[in-house]
PDB file of N, CA and C in Angstrom:
ATOM      1  N   UNK A   1       3.950  -6.560  23.220  1.00  0.00           N
ATOM      2  CA  UNK A   1       3.461  -6.155  21.898  1.00  0.00           C
ATOM      3  C   UNK A   1       4.182  -6.961  20.833  1.00  0.00           C
ATOM      4  N   UNK A   2       3.404  -7.476  19.882  1.00  0.00           N
ATOM      5  CA  UNK A   2       3.983  -8.242  18.791  1.00  0.00           C
ATOM      6  C   UNK A   2       4.718  -7.331  17.822  1.00  0.00           C
ATOM      7  N   UNK A   3       5.799  -7.868  17.272  1.00  0.00           N
ATOM      8  CA  UNK A   3       6.536  -7.115  16.261  1.00  0.00           C
ATOM      9  C   UNK A   3       5.832  -7.294  14.916  1.00  0.00           C
ATOM     10  N   UNK A   4       5.789  -6.225  14.139  1.00  0.00           N
ATOM     11  CA  UNK A   4       5.151  -6.279  12.831  1.00  0.00           C
ATOM     12  C   UNK A   4       6.134  -6.659  11.744  1.00  0.00           C
ATOM     13  N   UNK A   5       5.739  -6.418  10.518  1.00  0.00           N
ATOM     14  CA  UNK A   5       6.574  -6.667   9.339  1.00  0.00           C
ATOM     15  C   UNK A   5       6.814  -5.357   8.610  1.00  0.00           C
ATOM     16  N   UNK A   6       7.946  -5.280   7.941  1.00  0.00           N
ATOM     17  CA  UNK A   6       8.217  -4.129   7.092  1.00  0.00           C
ATOM     18  C   UNK A   6       7.367  -4.263   5.831  1.00  0.00           C
ATOM     19  N   UNK A   7       6.701  -3.175   5.447  1.00  0.00           N
ATOM     20  CA  UNK A   7       5.863  -3.150   4.252  1.00  0.00           C
ATOM     21  C   UNK A   7       6.443  -2.118   3.291  1.00  0.00           C
ATOM     22  N   UNK A   8       6.693  -2.545   2.054  1.00  0.00           N
ATOM     23  CA  UNK A   8       7.160  -1.669   0.981  1.00  0.00           C
ATOM     24  C   UNK A   8       5.953  -1.358   0.103  1.00  0.00           C
ATOM     25  N   UNK A   9       5.625  -0.078  -0.044  1.00  0.00           N
ATOM     26  CA  UNK A   9       4.516   0.341  -0.902  1.00  0.00           C
ATOM     27  C   UNK A   9       5.089   0.839  -2.215  1.00  0.00           C
ATOM     28  N   UNK A  10       4.696   0.188  -3.298  1.00  0.00           N
ATOM     29  CA  UNK A  10       5.235   0.468  -4.620  1.00  0.00           C
ATOM     30  C   UNK A  10       4.109   0.906  -5.539  1.00  0.00           C
ATOM     31  N   UNK A  11       4.298   2.029  -6.210  1.00  0.00           N
ATOM     32  CA  UNK A  11       3.276   2.542  -7.128  1.00  0.00           C
ATOM     33  C   UNK A  11       3.606   2.135  -8.559  1.00  0.00           C
ATOM     34  N   UNK A  12       2.633   1.510  -9.212  1.00  0.00           N
ATOM     35  CA  UNK A  12       2.760   1.220 -10.640  1.00  0.00           C
ATOM     36  C   UNK A  12       2.234   2.442 -11.380  1.00  0.00           C
ATOM     37  N   UNK A  13       3.124   3.130 -12.079  1.00  0.00           N
ATOM     38  CA  UNK A  13       2.736   4.353 -12.770  1.00  0.00           C
ATOM     39  C   UNK A  13       2.150   4.040 -14.140  1.00  0.00           C
ATOM     40  N   UNK A  14       1.521   5.024 -14.757  1.00  0.00           N
ATOM     41  CA  UNK A  14       0.790   4.815 -16.014  1.00  0.00           C
ATOM     42  C   UNK A  14       1.680   4.288 -17.129  1.00  0.00           C
ATOM     43  N   UNK A  15       2.967   4.622 -17.110  1.00  0.00           N
ATOM     44  CA  UNK A  15       3.887   4.120 -18.134  1.00  0.00           C
ATOM     45  C   UNK A  15       4.454   2.743 -17.828  1.00  0.00           C
ATOM     46  N   UNK A  16       4.046   2.157 -16.675  1.00  0.00           N
ATOM     47  CA  UNK A  16       4.497   0.830 -16.302  1.00  0.00           C
ATOM     48  C   UNK A  16       5.677   0.827 -15.334  1.00  0.00           C
ATOM     49  N   UNK A  17       6.261   2.001 -15.077  1.00  0.00           N
ATOM     50  CA  UNK A  17       7.382   2.078 -14.149  1.00  0.00           C
ATOM     51  C   UNK A  17       6.887   1.829 -12.724  1.00  0.00           C
ATOM     52  N   UNK A  18       7.797   1.336 -11.876  1.00  0.00           N
ATOM     53  CA  UNK A  18       7.492   1.104 -10.471  1.00  0.00           C
ATOM     54  C   UNK A  18       8.265   2.118  -9.642  1.00  0.00           C
ATOM     55  N   UNK A  19       7.547   2.808  -8.732  1.00  0.00           N
ATOM     56  CA  UNK A  19       8.168   3.827  -7.877  1.00  0.00           C
ATOM     57  C   UNK A  19       7.853   3.508  -6.421  1.00  0.00           C
ATOM     58  N   UNK A  20       8.896   3.449  -5.590  1.00  0.00           N
ATOM     59  CA  UNK A  20       8.701   3.204  -4.165  1.00  0.00           C
ATOM     60  C   UNK A  20       8.167   4.477  -3.513  1.00  0.00           C
ATOM     61  N   UNK A  21       7.017   4.361  -2.822  1.00  0.00           N
ATOM     62  CA  UNK A  21       6.424   5.542  -2.209  1.00  0.00           C
ATOM     63  C   UNK A  21       6.491   5.519  -0.685  1.00  0.00           C
ATOM     64  N   UNK A  22       6.709   4.349  -0.091  1.00  0.00           N
ATOM     65  CA  UNK A  22       6.768   4.298   1.361  1.00  0.00           C
ATOM     66  C   UNK A  22       7.370   2.974   1.796  1.00  0.00           C
ATOM     67  N   UNK A  23       7.992   3.001   2.971  1.00  0.00           N
ATOM     68  CA  UNK A  23       8.511   1.790   3.602  1.00  0.00           C
ATOM     69  C   UNK A  23       8.470   2.019   5.106  1.00  0.00           C
ATOM     70  N   UNK A  24       7.765   1.142   5.812  1.00  0.00           N
ATOM     71  CA  UNK A  24       7.690   1.260   7.266  1.00  0.00           C
ATOM     72  C   UNK A  24       7.223  -0.059   7.858  1.00  0.00           C
ATOM     73  N   UNK A  25       7.410  -0.205   9.157  1.00  0.00           N
ATOM     74  CA  UNK A  25       6.933  -1.393   9.846  1.00  0.00           C
ATOM     75  C   UNK A  25       5.450  -1.243  10.147  1.00  0.00           C
ATOM     76  N   UNK A  26       4.682  -2.272   9.809  1.00  0.00           N
ATOM     77  CA  UNK A  26       3.251  -2.293  10.087  1.00  0.00           C
ATOM     78  C   UNK A  26       2.983  -3.241  11.246  1.00  0.00           C
ATOM     79  N   UNK A  27       2.047  -2.865  12.096  1.00  0.00           N
ATOM     80  CA  UNK A  27       1.640  -3.706  13.220  1.00  0.00           C
ATOM     81  C   UNK A  27       0.861  -4.917  12.690  1.00  0.00           C
ATOM     82  N   UNK A  28       0.751  -5.950  13.504  1.00  0.00           N
ATOM     83  CA  UNK A  28      -0.080  -7.094  13.097  1.00  0.00           C
ATOM     84  C   UNK A  28      -1.526  -6.693  12.776  1.00  0.00           C
ATOM     85  N   UNK A  29      -2.058  -5.676  13.472  1.00  0.00           N
ATOM     86  CA  UNK A  29      -3.438  -5.228  13.217  1.00  0.00           C
ATOM     87  C   UNK A  29      -3.571  -4.602  11.829  1.00  0.00           C
ATOM     88  N   UNK A  30      -2.587  -3.794  11.423  1.00  0.00           N
ATOM     89  CA  UNK A  30      -2.635  -3.211  10.077  1.00  0.00           C
ATOM     90  C   UNK A  30      -2.505  -4.291   9.009  1.00  0.00           C
ATOM     91  N   UNK A  31      -1.632  -5.257   9.241  1.00  0.00           N
ATOM     92  CA  UNK A  31      -1.476  -6.349   8.282  1.00  0.00           C
ATOM     93  C   UNK A  31      -2.771  -7.151   8.157  1.00  0.00           C
ATOM     94  N   UNK A  32      -3.438  -7.394   9.259  1.00  0.00           N
ATOM     95  CA  UNK A  32      -4.711  -8.112   9.247  1.00  0.00           C
ATOM     96  C   UNK A  32      -5.773  -7.328   8.483  1.00  0.00           C
ATOM     97  N   UNK A  33      -5.743  -5.998   8.596  1.00  0.00           N
ATOM     98  CA  UNK A  33      -6.725  -5.155   7.906  1.00  0.00           C
ATOM     99  C   UNK A  33      -6.632  -5.287   6.386  1.00  0.00           C
ATOM    100  N   UNK A  34      -5.480  -5.689   5.874  1.00  0.00           N
ATOM    101  CA  UNK A  34      -5.326  -5.850   4.419  1.00  0.00           C
ATOM    102  C   UNK A  34      -6.298  -6.878   3.841  1.00  0.00           C
ATOM    103  N   UNK A  35      -6.804  -7.785   4.678  1.00  0.00           N
ATOM    104  CA  UNK A  35      -7.781  -8.782   4.213  1.00  0.00           C
ATOM    105  C   UNK A  35      -9.118  -8.151   3.878  1.00  0.00           C
ATOM    106  N   UNK A  36      -9.331  -6.917   4.350  1.00  0.00           N
ATOM    107  CA  UNK A  36     -10.651  -6.295   4.239  1.00  0.00           C
ATOM    108  C   UNK A  36     -10.681  -5.015   3.414  1.00  0.00           C
ATOM    109  N   UNK A  37      -9.538  -4.598   2.883  1.00  0.00           N
ATOM    110  CA  UNK A  37      -9.500  -3.328   2.150  1.00  0.00           C
ATOM    111  C   UNK A  37      -8.950  -3.520   0.739  1.00  0.00           C
ATOM    112  N   UNK A  38      -9.380  -2.643  -0.154  1.00  0.00           N
ATOM    113  CA  UNK A  38      -8.860  -2.611  -1.522  1.00  0.00           C
ATOM    114  C   UNK A  38      -8.145  -1.305  -1.829  1.00  0.00           C
ATOM    115  N   UNK A  39      -8.298  -0.320  -0.937  1.00  0.00           N
ATOM    116  CA  UNK A  39      -7.720   0.998  -1.150  1.00  0.00           C
ATOM    117  C   UNK A  39      -6.973   1.448   0.095  1.00  0.00           C
ATOM    118  N   UNK A  40      -5.881   2.202  -0.114  1.00  0.00           N
ATOM    119  CA  UNK A  40      -5.084   2.772   0.973  1.00  0.00           C
ATOM    120  C   UNK A  40      -4.942   4.267   0.727  1.00  0.00           C
ATOM    121  N   UNK A  41      -4.829   5.049   1.792  1.00  0.00           N
ATOM    122  CA  UNK A  41      -4.548   6.478   1.677  1.00  0.00           C
ATOM    123  C   UNK A  41      -3.179   6.720   2.297  1.00  0.00           C
ATOM    124  N   UNK A  42      -2.274   7.279   1.516  1.00  0.00           N
ATOM    125  CA  UNK A  42      -0.910   7.553   1.950  1.00  0.00           C
ATOM    126  C   UNK A  42      -0.592   8.993   1.575  1.00  0.00           C
ATOM    127  N   UNK A  43      -0.265   9.806   2.566  1.00  0.00           N
ATOM    128  CA  UNK A  43       0.047  11.208   2.297  1.00  0.00           C
ATOM    129  C   UNK A  43      -1.080  11.957   1.624  1.00  0.00           C
ATOM    130  N   UNK A  44      -2.331  11.571   1.931  1.00  0.00           N
ATOM    131  CA  UNK A  44      -3.487  12.237   1.352  1.00  0.00           C
ATOM    132  C   UNK A  44      -3.849  11.778  -0.050  1.00  0.00           C
ATOM    133  N   UNK A  45      -3.120  10.811  -0.588  1.00  0.00           N
ATOM    134  CA  UNK A  45      -3.395  10.283  -1.929  1.00  0.00           C
ATOM    135  C   UNK A  45      -3.982   8.882  -1.792  1.00  0.00           C
ATOM    136  N   UNK A  46      -5.063   8.619  -2.541  1.00  0.00           N
ATOM    137  CA  UNK A  46      -5.714   7.322  -2.488  1.00  0.00           C
ATOM    138  C   UNK A  46      -5.118   6.394  -3.536  1.00  0.00           C
ATOM    139  N   UNK A  47      -4.822   5.153  -3.115  1.00  0.00           N
ATOM    140  CA  UNK A  47      -4.246   4.137  -3.994  1.00  0.00           C
ATOM    141  C   UNK A  47      -5.093   2.880  -3.938  1.00  0.00           C
ATOM    142  N   UNK A  48      -5.223   2.221  -5.090  1.00  0.00           N
ATOM    143  CA  UNK A  48      -5.867   0.915  -5.149  1.00  0.00           C
ATOM    144  C   UNK A  48      -4.788  -0.147  -5.021  1.00  0.00           C
ATOM    145  N   UNK A  49      -5.049  -1.171  -4.204  1.00  0.00           N
ATOM    146  CA  UNK A  49      -4.093  -2.268  -4.087  1.00  0.00           C
ATOM    147  C   UNK A  49      -4.287  -3.213  -5.279  1.00  0.00           C
ATOM    148  N   UNK A  50      -3.195  -3.465  -6.004  1.00  0.00           N
ATOM    149  CA  UNK A  50      -3.247  -4.346  -7.169  1.00  0.00           C
ATOM    150  C   UNK A  50      -2.869  -5.767  -6.802  1.00  0.00           C
ATOM    151  N   UNK A  51      -1.792  -5.919  -6.040  1.00  0.00           N
ATOM    152  CA  UNK A  51      -1.377  -7.240  -5.590  1.00  0.00           C
ATOM    153  C   UNK A  51      -0.368  -7.090  -4.467  1.00  0.00           C
ATOM    154  N   UNK A  52      -0.166  -8.167  -3.756  1.00  0.00           N
ATOM    155  CA  UNK A  52       0.802  -8.175  -2.668  1.00  0.00           C
ATOM    156  C   UNK A  52       1.708  -9.387  -2.789  1.00  0.00           C
ATOM    157  N   UNK A  53       2.892  -9.251  -2.194  1.00  0.00           N
ATOM    158  CA  UNK A  53       3.858 -10.347  -2.255  1.00  0.00           C
ATOM    159  C   UNK A  53       4.615 -10.398  -0.936  1.00  0.00           C
ATOM    160  N   UNK A  54       4.781 -11.593  -0.412  1.00  0.00           N
ATOM    161  CA  UNK A  54       5.605 -11.789   0.769  1.00  0.00           C
ATOM    162  C   UNK A  54       6.995 -12.183   0.288  1.00  0.00           C
ATOM    163  N   UNK A  55       7.980 -11.337   0.571  1.00  0.00           N
ATOM    164  CA  UNK A  55       9.359 -11.612   0.181  1.00  0.00           C
ATOM    165  C   UNK A  55      10.029 -12.283   1.375  1.00  0.00           C
ATOM    166  N   UNK A  56      10.183 -13.594   1.315  1.00  0.00           N
ATOM    167  CA  UNK A  56      10.750 -14.362   2.420  1.00  0.00           C
ATOM    168  C   UNK A  56      12.224 -14.028   2.614  1.00  0.00           C
ATOM    169  N   UNK A  57      12.934 -13.743   1.528  1.00  0.00           N
ATOM    170  CA  UNK A  57      14.360 -13.409   1.627  1.00  0.00           C
ATOM    171  C   UNK A  57      14.595 -12.159   2.470  1.00  0.00           C
ATOM    172  N   UNK A  58      13.755 -11.138   2.299  1.00  0.00           N
ATOM    173  CA  UNK A  58      13.930  -9.884   3.045  1.00  0.00           C
ATOM    174  C   UNK A  58      12.991  -9.789   4.246  1.00  0.00           C
ATOM    175  N   UNK A  59      12.124 -10.786   4.420  1.00  0.00           N
ATOM    176  CA  UNK A  59      11.116 -10.802   5.486  1.00  0.00           C
ATOM    177  C   UNK A  59      10.279  -9.531   5.466  1.00  0.00           C
ATOM    178  N   UNK A  60       9.778  -9.200   4.277  1.00  0.00           N
ATOM    179  CA  UNK A  60       8.978  -7.986   4.096  1.00  0.00           C
ATOM    180  C   UNK A  60       7.798  -8.286   3.174  1.00  0.00           C
ATOM    181  N   UNK A  61       6.777  -7.451   3.309  1.00  0.00           N
ATOM    182  CA  UNK A  61       5.618  -7.502   2.425  1.00  0.00           C
ATOM    183  C   UNK A  61       5.772  -6.385   1.407  1.00  0.00           C
ATOM    184  N   UNK A  62       5.486  -6.685   0.146  1.00  0.00           N
ATOM    185  CA  UNK A  62       5.543  -5.683  -0.926  1.00  0.00           C
ATOM    186  C   UNK A  62       4.142  -5.547  -1.509  1.00  0.00           C
ATOM    187  N   UNK A  63       3.609  -4.321  -1.485  1.00  0.00           N
ATOM    188  CA  UNK A  63       2.281  -4.067  -2.041  1.00  0.00           C
ATOM    189  C   UNK A  63       2.411  -3.211  -3.287  1.00  0.00           C
ATOM    190  N   UNK A  64       1.823  -3.687  -4.385  1.00  0.00           N
ATOM    191  CA  UNK A  64       1.803  -2.932  -5.633  1.00  0.00           C
ATOM    192  C   UNK A  64       0.503  -2.138  -5.672  1.00  0.00           C
ATOM    193  N   UNK A  65       0.627  -0.823  -5.851  1.00  0.00           N
ATOM    194  CA  UNK A  65      -0.504   0.095  -5.792  1.00  0.00           C
ATOM    195  C   UNK A  65      -0.626   0.900  -7.070  1.00  0.00           C
ATOM    196  N   UNK A  66      -1.810   1.407  -7.324  1.00  0.00           N
ATOM    197  CA  UNK A  66      -2.058   2.312  -8.443  1.00  0.00           C
ATOM    198  C   UNK A  66      -2.830   3.509  -7.901  1.00  0.00           C
ATOM    199  N   UNK A  67      -2.350   4.722  -8.201  1.00  0.00           N
ATOM    200  CA  UNK A  67      -3.035   5.931  -7.724  1.00  0.00           C
ATOM    201  C   UNK A  67      -4.420   6.007  -8.342  1.00  0.00           C
ATOM    202  N   UNK A  68      -5.398   6.373  -7.529  1.00  0.00           N
ATOM    203  CA  UNK A  68      -6.775   6.525  -7.989  1.00  0.00           C
ATOM    204  C   UNK A  68      -6.913   7.923  -8.569  1.00  0.00           C
ATOM    205  N   UNK A  69      -7.409   8.002  -9.778  1.00  0.00           N
ATOM    206  CA  UNK A  69      -7.617   9.289 -10.442  1.00  0.00           C
ATOM    207  C   UNK A  69      -9.097   9.637 -10.346  1.00  0.00           C
ATOM    208  N   UNK A  70      -9.432  10.552  -9.468  1.00  0.00           N
ATOM    209  CA  UNK A  70     -10.832  10.961  -9.294  1.00  0.00           C
ATOM    210  C   UNK A  70     -11.180  12.015 -10.340  1.00  0.00           C
ATOM    211  N   UNK A  71     -12.384  11.897 -10.899  1.00  0.00           N
ATOM    212  CA  UNK A  71     -12.843  12.881 -11.878  1.00  0.00           C
ATOM    213  C   UNK A  71     -13.093  14.221 -11.215  1.00  0.00           C
ATOM    214  N   UNK A  72     -13.549  14.181  -9.989  1.00  0.00           N
ATOM    215  CA  UNK A  72     -13.805  15.413  -9.227  1.00  0.00           C
ATOM    216  C   UNK A  72     -13.313  15.181  -7.811  1.00  0.00           C
ATOM    217  N   UNK A  73     -12.940  16.250  -7.162  1.00  0.00           N
ATOM    218  CA  UNK A  73     -12.460  16.140  -5.789  1.00  0.00           C
ATOM    219  C   UNK A  73     -13.589  15.673  -4.890  1.00  0.00           C
ATOM    220  N   UNK A  74     -13.280  14.724  -4.034  1.00  0.00           N
ATOM    221  CA  UNK A  74     -14.265  14.194  -3.099  1.00  0.00           C
ATOM    222  C   UNK A  74     -14.086  14.904  -1.772  1.00  0.00           C
ATOM    223  N   UNK A  75     -15.144  15.506  -1.286  1.00  0.00           N
ATOM    224  CA  UNK A  75     -15.119  16.192   0.006  1.00  0.00           C
ATOM    225  C   UNK A  75     -15.467  15.178   1.077  1.00  0.00           C
ATOM    226  N   UNK A  76     -14.662  15.125   2.121  1.00  0.00           N
ATOM    227  CA  UNK A  76     -14.914  14.215   3.238  1.00  0.00           C
ATOM    228  C   UNK A  76     -15.204  15.053   4.480  1.00  0.00           C
ATOM    229  N   UNK A  77     -16.220  14.636   5.226  1.00  0.00           N
ATOM    230  CA  UNK A  77     -16.553  15.373   6.446  1.00  0.00           C
ATOM    231  C   UNK A  77     -16.086  14.641   7.675  1.00  0.00           C
TER     232      UNK A  77
END
């Protein structure tokens, strides 16, 4: 099994502050999926991906996210 990369998920809040919401190792398959998605769900909260950065010094990927504010709750079946 291939080793993945550590991914830091950072939320850009409405006031411009950055808050770390998650850090974990992602498999190569999850990293590949980033080419096809614009939104992530973490802890039941939906986030839009704003940008990503490969930090060569720390050998990690950093994703900047913004929480999606839904006008009404979306029911999923």
